[in-house]
Amino acid sequence: MGKKDANTNRCQPVDQYRKQIGKQDWKKSKKEIKSMKAKAEQHNELSPQIIVLWIGTVILVCSSAYMLLLWYLGAVSLENVSEMPPV
């Protein structure tokens, strides 16, 4: 029985070391998980700044398309008007 007790005492420091490493890894992973969650929440949230940016972009695209159509179609309609004799 003395040999069994000697073997278990020799393995304990290794087991304790492994437990400490596992605890440290868990603490690190916990911090990483929290930071990843915070980053994901921040990415998914729609802040007022982003909403205003999107609305401005849509208005800009629509107004530029309107101006291009007005320019092309307006030039054609002015040519038709100048060709017609005055009434």
PDB file of N, CA and C in Angstrom:
ATOM      1  N   MET A   1       0.803  -1.185   0.000  1.00  0.00           N
ATOM      2  CA  MET A   1       0.000   0.000   0.000  1.00  0.00           C
ATOM      3  C   MET A   1       0.852   1.258   0.000  1.00  0.00           C
ATOM      4  N   GLY A   2       2.009   1.190   0.455  1.00  0.00           N
ATOM      5  CA  GLY A   2       2.874   2.354   0.456  1.00  0.00           C
ATOM      6  C   GLY A   2       3.187   2.832  -0.938  1.00  0.00           C
ATOM      7  N   LYS A   3       3.286   1.895  -1.899  1.00  0.00           N
ATOM      8  CA  LYS A   3       3.607   2.291  -3.271  1.00  0.00           C
ATOM      9  C   LYS A   3       2.440   3.039  -3.924  1.00  0.00           C
ATOM     10  N   LYS A   4       1.231   2.620  -3.632  1.00  0.00           N
ATOM     11  CA  LYS A   4       0.080   3.311  -4.221  1.00  0.00           C
ATOM     12  C   LYS A   4       0.013   4.749  -3.719  1.00  0.00           C
ATOM     13  N   ASP A   5       0.247   4.946  -2.440  1.00  0.00           N
ATOM     14  CA  ASP A   5       0.211   6.298  -1.896  1.00  0.00           C
ATOM     15  C   ASP A   5       1.314   7.162  -2.492  1.00  0.00           C
ATOM     16  N   ALA A   6       2.461   6.570  -2.738  1.00  0.00           N
ATOM     17  CA  ALA A   6       3.571   7.327  -3.313  1.00  0.00           C
ATOM     18  C   ALA A   6       3.247   7.747  -4.745  1.00  0.00           C
ATOM     19  N   ASN A   7       2.584   6.876  -5.510  1.00  0.00           N
ATOM     20  CA  ASN A   7       2.233   7.211  -6.894  1.00  0.00           C
ATOM     21  C   ASN A   7       1.192   8.327  -6.959  1.00  0.00           C
ATOM     22  N   THR A   8       0.225   8.277  -6.084  1.00  0.00           N
ATOM     23  CA  THR A   8      -0.823   9.301  -6.124  1.00  0.00           C
ATOM     24  C   THR A   8      -0.271  10.661  -5.709  1.00  0.00           C
ATOM     25  N   ASN A   9       0.660  10.685  -4.766  1.00  0.00           N
ATOM     26  CA  ASN A   9       1.238  11.964  -4.355  1.00  0.00           C
ATOM     27  C   ASN A   9       2.104  12.559  -5.457  1.00  0.00           C
ATOM     28  N   ARG A  10       2.728  11.711  -6.258  1.00  0.00           N
ATOM     29  CA  ARG A  10       3.590  12.201  -7.317  1.00  0.00           C
ATOM     30  C   ARG A  10       2.749  12.805  -8.459  1.00  0.00           C
ATOM     31  N   CYS A  11       1.578  12.302  -8.703  1.00  0.00           N
ATOM     32  CA  CYS A  11       0.743  12.784  -9.801  1.00  0.00           C
ATOM     33  C   CYS A  11      -0.043  14.036  -9.436  1.00  0.00           C
ATOM     34  N   GLN A  12      -0.195  14.292  -8.175  1.00  0.00           N
ATOM     35  CA  GLN A  12      -1.009  15.431  -7.783  1.00  0.00           C
ATOM     36  C   GLN A  12      -0.491  16.773  -8.301  1.00  0.00           C
ATOM     37  N   PRO A  13       0.794  17.071  -8.213  1.00  0.00           N
ATOM     38  CA  PRO A  13       1.237  18.370  -8.740  1.00  0.00           C
ATOM     39  C   PRO A  13       0.963  18.520 -10.239  1.00  0.00           C
ATOM     40  N   VAL A  14       1.081  17.439 -10.994  1.00  0.00           N
ATOM     41  CA  VAL A  14       0.799  17.501 -12.424  1.00  0.00           C
ATOM     42  C   VAL A  14      -0.678  17.769 -12.644  1.00  0.00           C
ATOM     43  N   ASP A  15      -1.518  17.086 -11.896  1.00  0.00           N
ATOM     44  CA  ASP A  15      -2.958  17.315 -12.013  1.00  0.00           C
ATOM     45  C   ASP A  15      -3.324  18.741 -11.614  1.00  0.00           C
ATOM     46  N   GLN A  16      -2.702  19.234 -10.547  1.00  0.00           N
ATOM     47  CA  GLN A  16      -2.977  20.609 -10.119  1.00  0.00           C
ATOM     48  C   GLN A  16      -2.536  21.608 -11.196  1.00  0.00           C
ATOM     49  N   TYR A  17      -1.378  21.336 -11.795  1.00  0.00           N
ATOM     50  CA  TYR A  17      -0.884  22.203 -12.862  1.00  0.00           C
ATOM     51  C   TYR A  17      -1.855  22.207 -14.036  1.00  0.00           C
ATOM     52  N   ARG A  18      -2.357  21.045 -14.399  1.00  0.00           N
ATOM     53  CA  ARG A  18      -3.309  20.952 -15.492  1.00  0.00           C
ATOM     54  C   ARG A  18      -4.598  21.701 -15.162  1.00  0.00           C
ATOM     55  N   LYS A  19      -5.038  21.582 -13.919  1.00  0.00           N
ATOM     56  CA  LYS A  19      -6.242  22.305 -13.506  1.00  0.00           C
ATOM     57  C   LYS A  19      -6.034  23.809 -13.589  1.00  0.00           C
ATOM     58  N   GLN A  20      -4.849  24.276 -13.165  1.00  0.00           N
ATOM     59  CA  GLN A  20      -4.570  25.713 -13.234  1.00  0.00           C
ATOM     60  C   GLN A  20      -4.571  26.207 -14.677  1.00  0.00           C
ATOM     61  N   ILE A  21      -3.975  25.429 -15.553  1.00  0.00           N
ATOM     62  CA  ILE A  21      -3.956  25.807 -16.963  1.00  0.00           C
ATOM     63  C   ILE A  21      -5.385  25.852 -17.511  1.00  0.00           C
ATOM     64  N   GLY A  22      -6.194  24.860 -17.142  1.00  0.00           N
ATOM     65  CA  GLY A  22      -7.584  24.835 -17.591  1.00  0.00           C
ATOM     66  C   GLY A  22      -8.355  26.041 -17.090  1.00  0.00           C
ATOM     67  N   LYS A  23      -8.116  26.454 -15.851  1.00  0.00           N
ATOM     68  CA  LYS A  23      -8.791  27.629 -15.303  1.00  0.00           C
ATOM     69  C   LYS A  23      -8.371  28.894 -16.039  1.00  0.00           C
ATOM     70  N   GLN A  24      -7.075  28.992 -16.330  1.00  0.00           N
ATOM     71  CA  GLN A  24      -6.594  30.176 -17.048  1.00  0.00           C
ATOM     72  C   GLN A  24      -7.184  30.233 -18.456  1.00  0.00           C
ATOM     73  N   ASP A  25      -7.225  29.091 -19.110  1.00  0.00           N
ATOM     74  CA  ASP A  25      -7.809  29.049 -20.452  1.00  0.00           C
ATOM     75  C   ASP A  25      -9.284  29.417 -20.406  1.00  0.00           C
ATOM     76  N   TRP A  26      -9.983  28.955 -19.386  1.00  0.00           N
ATOM     77  CA  TRP A  26     -11.406  29.269 -19.262  1.00  0.00           C
ATOM     78  C   TRP A  26     -11.605  30.765 -19.054  1.00  0.00           C
ATOM     79  N   LYS A  27     -10.744  31.357 -18.232  1.00  0.00           N
ATOM     80  CA  LYS A  27     -10.853  32.796 -18.004  1.00  0.00           C
ATOM     81  C   LYS A  27     -10.595  33.569 -19.296  1.00  0.00           C
ATOM     82  N   LYS A  28      -9.588  33.142 -20.049  1.00  0.00           N
ATOM     83  CA  LYS A  28      -9.285  33.807 -21.316  1.00  0.00           C
ATOM     84  C   LYS A  28     -10.447  33.648 -22.293  1.00  0.00           C
ATOM     85  N   SER A  29     -10.951  32.440 -22.390  1.00  0.00           N
ATOM     86  CA  SER A  29     -12.031  32.208 -23.345  1.00  0.00           C
ATOM     87  C   SER A  29     -13.295  32.961 -22.930  1.00  0.00           C
ATOM     88  N   LYS A  30     -13.523  33.106 -21.636  1.00  0.00           N
ATOM     89  CA  LYS A  30     -14.676  33.861 -21.158  1.00  0.00           C
ATOM     90  C   LYS A  30     -14.580  35.322 -21.606  1.00  0.00           C
ATOM     91  N   LYS A  31     -13.395  35.901 -21.487  1.00  0.00           N
ATOM     92  CA  LYS A  31     -13.194  37.289 -21.907  1.00  0.00           C
ATOM     93  C   LYS A  31     -13.372  37.416 -23.414  1.00  0.00           C
ATOM     94  N   GLU A  32     -12.846  36.466 -24.149  1.00  0.00           N
ATOM     95  CA  GLU A  32     -12.975  36.501 -25.604  1.00  0.00           C
ATOM     96  C   GLU A  32     -14.434  36.365 -26.029  1.00  0.00           C
ATOM     97  N   ILE A  33     -15.164  35.500 -25.362  1.00  0.00           N
ATOM     98  CA  ILE A  33     -16.581  35.309 -25.687  1.00  0.00           C
ATOM     99  C   ILE A  33     -17.353  36.599 -25.418  1.00  0.00           C
ATOM    100  N   LYS A  34     -17.062  37.253 -24.298  1.00  0.00           N
ATOM    101  CA  LYS A  34     -17.749  38.505 -23.987  1.00  0.00           C
ATOM    102  C   LYS A  34     -17.438  39.577 -25.025  1.00  0.00           C
ATOM    103  N   SER A  35     -16.175  39.664 -25.409  1.00  0.00           N
ATOM    104  CA  SER A  35     -15.811  40.681 -26.401  1.00  0.00           C
ATOM    105  C   SER A  35     -16.431  40.371 -27.763  1.00  0.00           C
ATOM    106  N   MET A  36     -16.502  39.107 -28.129  1.00  0.00           N
ATOM    107  CA  MET A  36     -17.119  38.729 -29.402  1.00  0.00           C
ATOM    108  C   MET A  36     -18.613  39.024 -29.385  1.00  0.00           C
ATOM    109  N   LYS A  37     -19.281  38.762 -28.263  1.00  0.00           N
ATOM    110  CA  LYS A  37     -20.709  39.067 -28.151  1.00  0.00           C
ATOM    111  C   LYS A  37     -20.956  40.568 -28.259  1.00  0.00           C
ATOM    112  N   ALA A  38     -20.118  41.350 -27.581  1.00  0.00           N
ATOM    113  CA  ALA A  38     -20.270  42.800 -27.632  1.00  0.00           C
ATOM    114  C   ALA A  38     -20.068  43.319 -29.052  1.00  0.00           C
ATOM    115  N   LYS A  39     -19.083  42.765 -29.744  1.00  0.00           N
ATOM    116  CA  LYS A  39     -18.822  43.183 -31.121  1.00  0.00           C
ATOM    117  C   LYS A  39     -19.986  42.806 -32.031  1.00  0.00           C
ATOM    118  N   ALA A  40     -20.552  41.619 -31.841  1.00  0.00           N
ATOM    119  CA  ALA A  40     -21.681  41.176 -32.659  1.00  0.00           C
ATOM    120  C   ALA A  40     -22.919  42.040 -32.390  1.00  0.00           C
ATOM    121  N   GLU A  41     -23.169  42.376 -31.142  1.00  0.00           N
ATOM    122  CA  GLU A  41     -24.312  43.228 -30.808  1.00  0.00           C
ATOM    123  C   GLU A  41     -24.138  44.620 -31.412  1.00  0.00           C
ATOM    124  N   GLN A  42     -22.915  45.122 -31.348  1.00  0.00           N
ATOM    125  CA  GLN A  42     -22.651  46.442 -31.891  1.00  0.00           C
ATOM    126  C   GLN A  42     -22.824  46.431 -33.402  1.00  0.00           C
ATOM    127  N   HIS A  43     -22.444  45.360 -34.037  1.00  0.00           N
ATOM    128  CA  HIS A  43     -22.562  45.252 -35.488  1.00  0.00           C
ATOM    129  C   HIS A  43     -24.026  45.133 -35.914  1.00  0.00           C
ATOM    130  N   ASN A  44     -24.840  44.449 -35.142  1.00  0.00           N
ATOM    131  CA  ASN A  44     -26.232  44.217 -35.507  1.00  0.00           C
ATOM    132  C   ASN A  44     -27.142  45.394 -35.176  1.00  0.00           C
ATOM    133  N   GLU A  45     -26.716  46.259 -34.280  1.00  0.00           N
ATOM    134  CA  GLU A  45     -27.562  47.380 -33.899  1.00  0.00           C
ATOM    135  C   GLU A  45     -27.593  48.425 -35.005  1.00  0.00           C
ATOM    136  N   LEU A  46     -28.746  49.024 -35.192  1.00  0.00           N
ATOM    137  CA  LEU A  46     -28.888  50.109 -36.144  1.00  0.00           C
ATOM    138  C   LEU A  46     -28.868  51.426 -35.379  1.00  0.00           C
ATOM    139  N   SER A  47     -27.763  52.103 -35.450  1.00  0.00           N
ATOM    140  CA  SER A  47     -27.658  53.386 -34.769  1.00  0.00           C
ATOM    141  C   SER A  47     -28.301  54.461 -35.633  1.00  0.00           C
ATOM    142  N   PRO A  48     -28.696  55.558 -35.043  1.00  0.00           N
ATOM    143  CA  PRO A  48     -29.315  56.642 -35.815  1.00  0.00           C
ATOM    144  C   PRO A  48     -28.386  57.160 -36.919  1.00  0.00           C
ATOM    145  N   GLN A  49     -27.098  57.108 -36.667  1.00  0.00           N
ATOM    146  CA  GLN A  49     -26.133  57.572 -37.658  1.00  0.00           C
ATOM    147  C   GLN A  49     -26.195  56.710 -38.921  1.00  0.00           C
ATOM    148  N   ILE A  50     -26.305  55.409 -38.752  1.00  0.00           N
ATOM    149  CA  ILE A  50     -26.369  54.494 -39.889  1.00  0.00           C
ATOM    150  C   ILE A  50     -27.678  54.679 -40.641  1.00  0.00           C
ATOM    151  N   ILE A  51     -28.771  54.869 -39.914  1.00  0.00           N
ATOM    152  CA  ILE A  51     -30.076  55.053 -40.546  1.00  0.00           C
ATOM    153  C   ILE A  51     -30.078  56.323 -41.399  1.00  0.00           C
ATOM    154  N   VAL A  52     -29.546  57.411 -40.858  1.00  0.00           N
ATOM    155  CA  VAL A  52     -29.486  58.675 -41.599  1.00  0.00           C
ATOM    156  C   VAL A  52     -28.599  58.507 -42.829  1.00  0.00           C
ATOM    157  N   LEU A  53     -27.520  57.786 -42.697  1.00  0.00           N
ATOM    158  CA  LEU A  53     -26.624  57.546 -43.824  1.00  0.00           C
ATOM    159  C   LEU A  53     -27.329  56.792 -44.941  1.00  0.00           C
ATOM    160  N   TRP A  54     -28.086  55.762 -44.584  1.00  0.00           N
ATOM    161  CA  TRP A  54     -28.813  54.983 -45.600  1.00  0.00           C
ATOM    162  C   TRP A  54     -29.901  55.813 -46.271  1.00  0.00           C
ATOM    163  N   ILE A  55     -30.635  56.578 -45.487  1.00  0.00           N
ATOM    164  CA  ILE A  55     -31.689  57.425 -46.056  1.00  0.00           C
ATOM    165  C   ILE A  55     -31.081  58.455 -47.008  1.00  0.00           C
ATOM    166  N   GLY A  56     -29.973  59.054 -46.609  1.00  0.00           N
ATOM    167  CA  GLY A  56     -29.287  60.019 -47.465  1.00  0.00           C
ATOM    168  C   GLY A  56     -28.800  59.389 -48.762  1.00  0.00           C
ATOM    169  N   THR A  57     -28.301  58.164 -48.670  1.00  0.00           N
ATOM    170  CA  THR A  57     -27.834  57.463 -49.865  1.00  0.00           C
ATOM    171  C   THR A  57     -28.984  57.181 -50.821  1.00  0.00           C
ATOM    172  N   VAL A  58     -30.111  56.744 -50.294  1.00  0.00           N
ATOM    173  CA  VAL A  58     -31.281  56.459 -51.127  1.00  0.00           C
ATOM    174  C   VAL A  58     -31.782  57.733 -51.794  1.00  0.00           C
ATOM    175  N   ILE A  59     -31.843  58.821 -51.047  1.00  0.00           N
ATOM    176  CA  ILE A  59     -32.290  60.098 -51.616  1.00  0.00           C
ATOM    177  C   ILE A  59     -31.328  60.566 -52.703  1.00  0.00           C
ATOM    178  N   LEU A  60     -30.046  60.413 -52.474  1.00  0.00           N
ATOM    179  CA  LEU A  60     -29.048  60.819 -53.458  1.00  0.00           C
ATOM    180  C   LEU A  60     -29.168  60.008 -54.748  1.00  0.00           C
ATOM    181  N   VAL A  61     -29.336  58.714 -54.624  1.00  0.00           N
ATOM    182  CA  VAL A  61     -29.470  57.858 -55.809  1.00  0.00           C
ATOM    183  C   VAL A  61     -30.745  58.197 -56.573  1.00  0.00           C
ATOM    184  N   CYS A  62     -31.851  58.347 -55.862  1.00  0.00           N
ATOM    185  CA  CYS A  62     -33.126  58.671 -56.528  1.00  0.00           C
ATOM    186  C   CYS A  62     -33.064  60.030 -57.206  1.00  0.00           C
ATOM    187  N   SER A  63     -32.490  61.020 -56.541  1.00  0.00           N
ATOM    188  CA  SER A  63     -32.429  62.361 -57.140  1.00  0.00           C
ATOM    189  C   SER A  63     -31.482  62.394 -58.336  1.00  0.00           C
ATOM    190  N   SER A  64     -30.382  61.646 -58.273  1.00  0.00           N
ATOM    191  CA  SER A  64     -29.483  61.615 -59.436  1.00  0.00           C
ATOM    192  C   SER A  64     -30.151  60.911 -60.615  1.00  0.00           C
ATOM    193  N   ALA A  65     -30.897  59.836 -60.369  1.00  0.00           N
ATOM    194  CA  ALA A  65     -31.629  59.157 -61.445  1.00  0.00           C
ATOM    195  C   ALA A  65     -32.683  60.095 -62.023  1.00  0.00           C
ATOM    196  N   TYR A  66     -33.371  60.844 -61.195  1.00  0.00           N
ATOM    197  CA  TYR A  66     -34.383  61.803 -61.649  1.00  0.00           C
ATOM    198  C   TYR A  66     -33.744  62.893 -62.512  1.00  0.00           C
ATOM    199  N   MET A  67     -32.607  63.418 -62.070  1.00  0.00           N
ATOM    200  CA  MET A  67     -31.929  64.470 -62.822  1.00  0.00           C
ATOM    201  C   MET A  67     -31.445  63.954 -64.179  1.00  0.00           C
ATOM    202  N   LEU A  68     -30.908  62.744 -64.228  1.00  0.00           N
ATOM    203  CA  LEU A  68     -30.475  62.169 -65.500  1.00  0.00           C
ATOM    204  C   LEU A  68     -31.655  61.987 -66.446  1.00  0.00           C
ATOM    205  N   LEU A  69     -32.759  61.459 -65.947  1.00  0.00           N
ATOM    206  CA  LEU A  69     -33.942  61.281 -66.785  1.00  0.00           C
ATOM    207  C   LEU A  69     -34.490  62.630 -67.248  1.00  0.00           C
ATOM    208  N   LEU A  70     -34.527  63.595 -66.370  1.00  0.00           N
ATOM    209  CA  LEU A  70     -35.001  64.922 -66.727  1.00  0.00           C
ATOM    210  C   LEU A  70     -34.109  65.551 -67.787  1.00  0.00           C
ATOM    211  N   TRP A  71     -32.821  65.361 -67.651  1.00  0.00           N
ATOM    212  CA  TRP A  71     -31.881  65.936 -68.603  1.00  0.00           C
ATOM    213  C   TRP A  71     -32.048  65.308 -69.988  1.00  0.00           C
ATOM    214  N   TYR A  72     -32.097  63.963 -70.034  1.00  0.00           N
ATOM    215  CA  TYR A  72     -32.247  63.280 -71.325  1.00  0.00           C
ATOM    216  C   TYR A  72     -33.621  63.540 -71.947  1.00  0.00           C
ATOM    217  N   LEU A  73     -34.673  63.381 -71.169  1.00  0.00           N
ATOM    218  CA  LEU A  73     -36.019  63.565 -71.699  1.00  0.00           C
ATOM    219  C   LEU A  73     -36.339  65.038 -71.942  1.00  0.00           C
ATOM    220  N   GLY A  74     -35.789  65.898 -71.138  1.00  0.00           N
ATOM    221  CA  GLY A  74     -36.009  67.331 -71.304  1.00  0.00           C
ATOM    222  C   GLY A  74     -35.366  67.839 -72.581  1.00  0.00           C
ATOM    223  N   ALA A  75     -34.220  67.324 -72.929  1.00  0.00           N
ATOM    224  CA  ALA A  75     -33.545  67.748 -74.157  1.00  0.00           C
ATOM    225  C   ALA A  75     -34.370  67.342 -75.367  1.00  0.00           C
ATOM    226  N   VAL A  76     -34.973  66.176 -75.337  1.00  0.00           N
ATOM    227  CA  VAL A  76     -35.800  65.714 -76.448  1.00  0.00           C
ATOM    228  C   VAL A  76     -37.061  66.556 -76.544  1.00  0.00           C
ATOM    229  N   SER A  77     -37.679  66.877 -75.430  1.00  0.00           N
ATOM    230  CA  SER A  77     -38.925  67.643 -75.468  1.00  0.00           C
ATOM    231  C   SER A  77     -38.665  69.077 -75.895  1.00  0.00           C
ATOM    232  N   LEU A  78     -37.526  69.670 -75.576  1.00  0.00           N
ATOM    233  CA  LEU A  78     -37.203  71.019 -76.011  1.00  0.00           C
ATOM    234  C   LEU A  78     -36.964  71.058 -77.517  1.00  0.00           C
ATOM    235  N   GLU A  79     -36.384  70.006 -78.066  1.00  0.00           N
ATOM    236  CA  GLU A  79     -36.188  69.947 -79.518  1.00  0.00           C
ATOM    237  C   GLU A  79     -37.538  69.889 -80.229  1.00  0.00           C
ATOM    238  N   ASN A  80     -38.479  69.138 -79.676  1.00  0.00           N
ATOM    239  CA  ASN A  80     -39.812  69.043 -80.271  1.00  0.00           C
ATOM    240  C   ASN A  80     -40.540  70.377 -80.212  1.00  0.00           C
ATOM    241  N   VAL A  81     -40.366  71.108 -79.152  1.00  0.00           N
ATOM    242  CA  VAL A  81     -41.035  72.387 -78.984  1.00  0.00           C
ATOM    243  C   VAL A  81     -40.466  73.406 -79.982  1.00  0.00           C
ATOM    244  N   SER A  82     -39.157  73.389 -80.184  1.00  0.00           N
ATOM    245  CA  SER A  82     -38.551  74.371 -81.089  1.00  0.00           C
ATOM    246  C   SER A  82     -38.911  74.083 -82.547  1.00  0.00           C
ATOM    247  N   GLU A  83     -39.215  72.844 -82.893  1.00  0.00           N
ATOM    248  CA  GLU A  83     -39.593  72.494 -84.251  1.00  0.00           C
ATOM    249  C   GLU A  83     -41.022  72.901 -84.572  1.00  0.00           C
ATOM    250  N   MET A  84     -41.877  72.962 -83.582  1.00  0.00           N
ATOM    251  CA  MET A  84     -43.284  73.295 -83.818  1.00  0.00           C
ATOM    252  C   MET A  84     -43.409  74.789 -84.114  1.00  0.00           C
ATOM    253  N   PRO A  85     -44.249  75.125 -85.049  1.00  0.00           N
ATOM    254  CA  PRO A  85     -44.466  76.550 -85.323  1.00  0.00           C
ATOM    255  C   PRO A  85     -45.304  77.178 -84.198  1.00  0.00           C
ATOM    256  N   PRO A  86     -45.096  78.443 -83.951  1.00  0.00           N
ATOM    257  CA  PRO A  86     -45.883  79.095 -82.889  1.00  0.00           C
ATOM    258  C   PRO A  86     -47.346  79.189 -83.293  1.00  0.00           C
ATOM    259  N   VAL A  87     -48.225  79.088 -82.356  1.00  0.00           N
ATOM    260  CA  VAL A  87     -49.661  79.111 -82.623  1.00  0.00           C
ATOM    261  C   VAL A  87     -50.213  80.485 -82.697  1.00  0.00           C
TER     262      VAL A  87
END
